[in-house]
Amino acid sequence: MREVDVKSVRDTIEKLFVEANLFLPCDVEQSIRRAGESEISPAGRNILKSLLDNLDAAKDLNVPICQDTGMAVVFMEIGQDVHFVGGALGEAINEGVRRAYVGGYLRKSVVSDPLERRNTDDNTPAVVHYSIVPGDKVKITAAPKGFGSENMSRLKMFTPAASEDDIVNFVTECVVSAGSNPCPPVVVGVGIGGTFERCALLSKEALQIPLDLENENPRYAALERRMLESINKTGVGPQGIGGKNTALGVKIKTYATHIAGLPVAVNISCHVTRHKTAEI
């Protein structure tokens, strides 16, 4: 049994959320650069150049990439041989988020009640997903999620009779109906299988997969390519003004499901697909 002080979790969470908001993952940045080189629309090329200029400015000035610094989403992979000491884990996570958003001068966008709409003024509470894995390590992923893109996400309970074409068309239609709202070029996370709630979580987990990492299942790797090609043929383009680069990538995560169901969820992320991971 390995003891892990929750203070180290708190400090790691604080660091991850600040850095995730200031620096885009290399695979996402490189995808935007490639999109700028391949874009055929003059207006689209100008948009992509502006996005790259913005990334460079964020690095140089040490300021957030986007004004919407997101709701704090945390993925915790906890080794089953870990024992947390020094306090409550959930409180440590939220304290790390609080320190990141207050001390890091990040925008506070969370309201305590969905109907009363009173801002918590420190971006807590976080949305936390725990999983227990073998070993004695703790893997933490901070994923700030802006709501211009989050609001465009959808879930459909297909019947098992649905074809791959039906799924590709649904994912494509989600992106087309979103238009300029999620600040394309987007990254699309797709969850297939599980139950209603597990499918939605799969789609969010899919957004954390590096864009340059091919799906280990050849069938789903091919399906990701089909979806990306279909989306980029729509002509929505950068910021919705037209062009060939509507999406930077599509990632799929799957899970077993019931014989009577085929849930499919789409979680859209803007070009600022932020996430950063550390291990304790």
Protein backbone atom coordinates (compact mmCIF):
# COMPACT_ATOMS: atom_id res chain seq x y z
CA MET A 1 0.00 0.00 0.00
CA ARG A 2 1.38 3.40 -1.03
CA GLU A 3 0.29 6.52 0.84
CA VAL A 4 -0.36 9.65 -1.21
CA ASP A 5 -0.94 12.96 0.56
CA VAL A 6 -3.92 14.79 -0.91
CA LYS A 7 -1.85 17.98 -0.85
CA SER A 8 0.15 16.60 -3.77
CA VAL A 9 -3.12 16.06 -5.62
CA ARG A 10 -4.17 19.63 -4.84
CA ASP A 11 -0.88 21.08 -6.07
CA THR A 12 -0.88 18.95 -9.21
CA ILE A 13 -4.45 19.95 -10.05
CA GLU A 14 -3.57 23.64 -9.64
CA LYS A 15 -0.56 23.37 -11.94
CA LEU A 16 -2.37 21.33 -14.59
CA PHE A 17 -5.32 23.70 -14.96
CA VAL A 18 -3.13 26.78 -15.24
CA GLU A 19 -0.88 25.16 -17.85
CA ALA A 20 -3.77 23.60 -19.78
CA ASN A 21 -5.29 27.04 -20.21
CA LEU A 22 -2.03 28.61 -21.37
CA PHE A 23 -0.54 25.95 -23.63
CA LEU A 24 -2.32 23.84 -26.23
CA PRO A 25 -1.26 20.16 -26.57
CA CYS A 26 1.39 19.76 -29.28
CA ASP A 27 -0.73 17.39 -31.37
CA VAL A 28 -3.61 19.87 -31.50
CA GLU A 29 -1.34 22.81 -32.33
CA GLN A 30 0.35 20.85 -35.11
CA SER A 31 -3.05 19.89 -36.52
CA ILE A 32 -4.02 23.56 -36.69
CA ARG A 33 -0.73 24.36 -38.46
CA ARG A 34 -1.34 21.60 -41.01
CA ALA A 35 -4.88 22.88 -41.52
CA GLY A 36 -3.47 26.33 -42.26
CA GLU A 37 -1.22 24.87 -44.92
CA SER A 38 -3.97 22.82 -46.59
CA GLU A 39 -6.88 25.26 -46.40
CA ILE A 40 -8.09 26.32 -49.86
CA SER A 41 -10.39 29.13 -48.71
CA PRO A 42 -8.56 32.49 -48.45
CA ALA A 43 -10.84 33.59 -45.61
CA GLY A 44 -10.33 30.23 -43.91
CA ARG A 45 -6.55 30.58 -44.19
CA ASN A 46 -6.75 34.00 -42.57
CA ILE A 47 -8.80 32.57 -39.71
CA LEU A 48 -6.33 29.75 -39.14
CA LYS A 49 -3.43 32.21 -39.22
CA SER A 50 -5.20 34.28 -36.56
CA LEU A 51 -5.68 31.17 -34.43
CA LEU A 52 -1.96 30.40 -34.65
CA ASP A 53 -1.06 34.02 -33.87
CA ASN A 54 -3.29 33.74 -30.82
CA LEU A 55 -1.52 30.56 -29.66
CA ASP A 56 1.85 32.27 -30.01
CA ALA A 57 0.62 35.35 -28.14
CA ALA A 58 -0.68 33.19 -25.28
CA LYS A 59 2.77 31.64 -24.91
CA ASP A 60 4.65 34.94 -25.17
CA LEU A 61 2.35 36.88 -22.83
CA ASN A 62 1.60 33.99 -20.46
CA VAL A 63 -2.16 34.49 -20.80
CA PRO A 64 -4.99 32.02 -21.49
CA ILE A 65 -5.46 30.80 -25.06
CA CYS A 66 -9.19 31.55 -24.83
CA GLN A 67 -11.27 33.85 -22.65
CA ASP A 68 -13.54 30.93 -21.79
CA THR A 69 -11.23 29.04 -19.46
CA GLY A 70 -13.85 26.36 -19.08
CA MET A 71 -15.53 24.28 -16.45
CA ALA A 72 -12.95 22.14 -14.66
CA VAL A 73 -13.24 18.49 -15.67
CA VAL A 74 -10.90 16.08 -13.89
CA PHE A 75 -10.14 12.47 -14.77
CA MET A 76 -8.57 10.47 -11.93
CA GLU A 77 -7.05 7.05 -12.54
CA ILE A 78 -6.30 5.76 -9.04
CA GLY A 79 -4.16 2.71 -8.44
CA GLN A 80 -5.92 0.20 -6.20
CA ASP A 81 -2.83 0.07 -3.97
CA VAL A 82 -3.02 3.80 -3.18
CA HIS A 83 -4.21 5.11 0.17
CA PHE A 84 -4.90 8.84 0.37
CA VAL A 85 -3.90 10.63 3.55
CA GLY A 86 -3.97 14.18 4.85
CA GLY A 87 -7.59 15.00 4.19
CA ALA A 88 -10.53 14.37 1.84
CA LEU A 89 -9.65 13.74 -1.81
CA GLY A 90 -12.66 15.60 -3.20
CA GLU A 91 -11.89 18.69 -1.14
CA ALA A 92 -8.25 18.62 -2.28
CA ILE A 93 -9.32 18.46 -5.93
CA ASN A 94 -11.62 21.46 -5.59
CA GLU A 95 -9.00 23.39 -3.64
CA GLY A 96 -6.57 22.81 -6.50
CA VAL A 97 -9.15 24.10 -8.98
CA ARG A 98 -9.86 27.08 -6.73
CA ARG A 99 -6.18 28.00 -6.51
CA ALA A 100 -5.70 27.62 -10.26
CA TYR A 101 -8.61 29.84 -11.23
CA VAL A 102 -8.21 32.48 -8.52
CA GLY A 103 -4.42 32.61 -8.31
CA GLY A 104 -3.97 32.03 -12.03
CA TYR A 105 -6.43 34.79 -12.95
CA LEU A 106 -8.56 32.45 -15.04
CA ARG A 107 -12.18 33.28 -15.76
CA LYS A 108 -14.63 31.91 -13.21
CA SER A 109 -17.61 30.52 -15.13
CA VAL A 110 -19.36 28.12 -12.73
CA VAL A 111 -22.72 28.80 -11.07
CA SER A 112 -23.71 26.92 -7.90
CA ASP A 113 -27.23 26.13 -9.05
CA PRO A 114 -28.32 25.67 -12.68
CA LEU A 115 -31.49 27.75 -12.20
CA GLU A 116 -30.46 30.35 -9.61
CA ARG A 117 -27.28 31.13 -11.66
CA ARG A 118 -25.18 32.48 -8.79
CA ASN A 119 -21.46 32.42 -9.62
CA THR A 120 -19.27 30.50 -7.16
CA ASP A 121 -16.44 32.99 -7.88
CA ASP A 122 -13.73 30.31 -7.88
CA ASN A 123 -14.84 27.93 -10.69
CA THR A 124 -15.65 25.13 -8.27
CA PRO A 125 -17.01 22.54 -7.99
CA ALA A 126 -15.14 20.51 -10.57
CA VAL A 127 -16.68 17.63 -12.51
CA VAL A 128 -14.63 14.61 -11.43
CA HIS A 129 -14.53 11.14 -12.98
CA TYR A 130 -12.80 8.44 -10.92
CA SER A 131 -11.58 5.06 -12.10
CA ILE A 132 -9.72 2.39 -10.15
CA VAL A 133 -6.83 0.74 -11.97
CA PRO A 134 -4.06 -1.71 -11.00
CA GLY A 135 -0.91 -0.35 -9.35
CA ASP A 136 0.11 2.35 -6.90
CA LYS A 137 0.12 5.47 -9.08
CA VAL A 138 -2.37 8.29 -9.50
CA LYS A 139 -2.87 9.68 -13.01
CA ILE A 140 -4.62 13.04 -13.24
CA THR A 141 -5.92 14.70 -16.38
CA ALA A 142 -7.18 18.28 -16.24
CA ALA A 143 -9.54 19.13 -19.08
CA PRO A 144 -11.02 22.65 -18.99
CA LYS A 145 -14.17 22.56 -21.15
CA GLY A 146 -15.64 25.69 -22.67
CA PHE A 147 -19.37 25.74 -23.24
CA GLY A 148 -19.53 27.22 -26.72
CA SER A 149 -18.62 23.72 -27.83
CA GLU A 150 -20.12 21.77 -24.91
CA ASN A 151 -23.55 23.17 -25.74
CA MET A 152 -23.35 21.60 -29.20
CA SER A 153 -22.99 18.04 -27.89
CA ARG A 154 -25.67 15.43 -28.52
CA LEU A 155 -26.62 11.83 -27.77
CA LYS A 156 -28.86 9.48 -29.72
CA MET A 157 -30.17 6.09 -28.70
CA PHE A 158 -29.99 4.18 -31.97
CA THR A 159 -31.52 0.74 -32.39
CA PRO A 160 -29.15 -2.14 -33.11
CA ALA A 161 -30.40 -2.04 -36.70
CA ALA A 162 -28.53 1.21 -37.31
CA SER A 163 -25.68 0.99 -39.81
CA GLU A 164 -22.25 2.59 -39.74
CA ASP A 165 -23.57 5.01 -42.37
CA ASP A 166 -26.33 6.07 -39.96
CA ILE A 167 -23.73 6.76 -37.27
CA VAL A 168 -21.44 8.69 -39.63
CA ASN A 169 -24.39 10.77 -40.82
CA PHE A 170 -25.46 11.52 -37.23
CA VAL A 171 -21.97 12.66 -36.21
CA THR A 172 -21.67 14.78 -39.36
CA GLU A 173 -25.09 16.34 -38.82
CA CYS A 174 -24.14 17.25 -35.25
CA VAL A 175 -21.16 19.24 -36.52
CA VAL A 176 -23.12 20.87 -39.35
CA SER A 177 -25.96 21.94 -37.05
CA ALA A 178 -23.39 23.37 -34.61
CA GLY A 179 -22.06 25.62 -37.38
CA SER A 180 -19.80 28.37 -36.08
CA ASN A 181 -20.91 28.04 -32.44
CA PRO A 182 -18.10 25.70 -31.28
CA CYS A 183 -15.37 27.79 -32.99
CA PRO A 184 -14.26 25.32 -35.67
CA PRO A 185 -12.04 23.66 -36.69
CA VAL A 186 -13.30 21.33 -33.99
CA VAL A 187 -12.20 18.09 -32.42
CA VAL A 188 -14.99 15.52 -32.19
CA GLY A 189 -15.21 12.90 -29.45
CA VAL A 190 -17.58 10.02 -30.19
CA GLY A 191 -18.81 7.48 -27.65
CA ILE A 192 -20.41 4.28 -28.91
CA GLY A 193 -22.01 1.72 -26.61
CA GLY A 194 -22.55 1.37 -22.90
CA THR A 195 -25.64 2.98 -21.41
CA PHE A 196 -27.05 6.50 -21.75
CA GLU A 197 -24.65 8.02 -19.22
CA ARG A 198 -21.62 5.85 -20.02
CA CYS A 199 -21.88 6.73 -23.70
CA ALA A 200 -21.70 10.45 -22.91
CA LEU A 201 -18.64 9.90 -20.72
CA LEU A 202 -16.95 7.87 -23.47
CA SER A 203 -17.33 10.80 -25.87
CA LYS A 204 -15.67 13.16 -23.40
CA GLU A 205 -12.88 10.68 -22.71
CA ALA A 206 -12.33 10.42 -26.47
CA LEU A 207 -11.43 14.13 -26.58
CA GLN A 208 -8.39 13.40 -24.41
CA ILE A 209 -6.88 11.01 -27.00
CA PRO A 210 -3.94 12.52 -28.95
CA LEU A 211 -4.95 13.35 -32.51
CA ASP A 212 -1.86 11.64 -33.90
CA LEU A 213 -2.64 8.35 -32.13
CA GLU A 214 -4.46 5.87 -34.38
CA ASN A 215 -7.26 3.78 -32.92
CA GLU A 216 -5.87 0.34 -32.11
CA ASN A 217 -9.01 -1.29 -33.54
CA PRO A 218 -8.76 -1.17 -37.37
CA ARG A 219 -12.54 -1.00 -37.76
CA TYR A 220 -12.84 2.08 -35.56
CA ALA A 221 -9.70 3.64 -37.02
CA ALA A 222 -11.38 3.42 -40.43
CA LEU A 223 -14.63 4.77 -38.99
CA GLU A 224 -12.79 7.76 -37.51
CA ARG A 225 -11.32 8.52 -40.93
CA ARG A 226 -14.75 8.22 -42.56
CA MET A 227 -16.28 10.61 -40.04
CA LEU A 228 -13.48 13.15 -40.46
CA GLU A 229 -13.74 13.01 -44.23
CA SER A 230 -17.52 13.37 -44.10
CA ILE A 231 -17.32 16.35 -41.72
CA ASN A 232 -14.68 18.13 -43.78
CA LYS A 233 -16.71 17.71 -46.96
CA THR A 234 -19.52 19.80 -45.46
CA GLY A 235 -17.68 23.07 -46.13
CA VAL A 236 -18.48 24.58 -42.72
CA GLY A 237 -14.81 25.54 -42.47
CA PRO A 238 -12.80 27.55 -39.94
CA GLN A 239 -15.09 29.61 -37.72
CA GLY A 240 -18.00 28.55 -39.93
CA ILE A 241 -17.09 30.86 -42.83
CA GLY A 242 -16.37 28.09 -45.31
CA GLY A 243 -13.43 25.88 -46.18
CA LYS A 244 -12.16 22.31 -46.06
CA ASN A 245 -10.98 22.26 -42.43
CA THR A 246 -14.12 21.93 -40.31
CA ALA A 247 -12.61 19.32 -37.97
CA LEU A 248 -9.05 18.62 -36.91
CA GLY A 249 -9.82 15.06 -35.86
CA VAL A 250 -12.40 12.53 -34.73
CA LYS A 251 -11.75 10.09 -31.90
CA ILE A 252 -13.95 7.15 -30.89
CA LYS A 253 -14.22 5.26 -27.61
CA THR A 254 -16.44 2.22 -27.26
CA TYR A 255 -17.91 0.00 -24.56
CA ALA A 256 -20.04 -3.12 -24.41
CA THR A 257 -23.77 -2.50 -24.65
CA HIS A 258 -27.14 -4.21 -24.36
CA ILE A 259 -28.52 -6.39 -27.17
CA ALA A 260 -31.42 -3.92 -27.54
CA GLY A 261 -29.37 -0.74 -27.74
CA LEU A 262 -26.75 1.24 -29.65
CA PRO A 263 -26.12 4.57 -27.87
CA VAL A 264 -23.99 7.13 -29.72
CA ALA A 265 -22.79 10.38 -28.12
CA VAL A 266 -20.99 13.30 -29.72
CA ASN A 267 -18.95 15.67 -27.57
CA ILE A 268 -17.61 18.55 -29.63
CA SER A 269 -14.56 20.57 -28.62
CA CYS A 270 -13.38 23.83 -30.16
CA HIS A 271 -9.95 24.20 -31.75
CA VAL A 272 -8.73 24.96 -28.21
CA THR A 273 -8.99 21.32 -27.10
CA ARG A 274 -7.24 21.66 -23.75
CA HIS A 275 -6.01 18.86 -21.56
CA LYS A 276 -2.91 18.12 -19.57
CA THR A 277 -1.89 15.00 -17.63
CA ALA A 278 0.47 14.23 -14.77
CA GLU A 279 1.21 11.18 -12.66
CA ILE A 280 1.86 11.08 -8.93
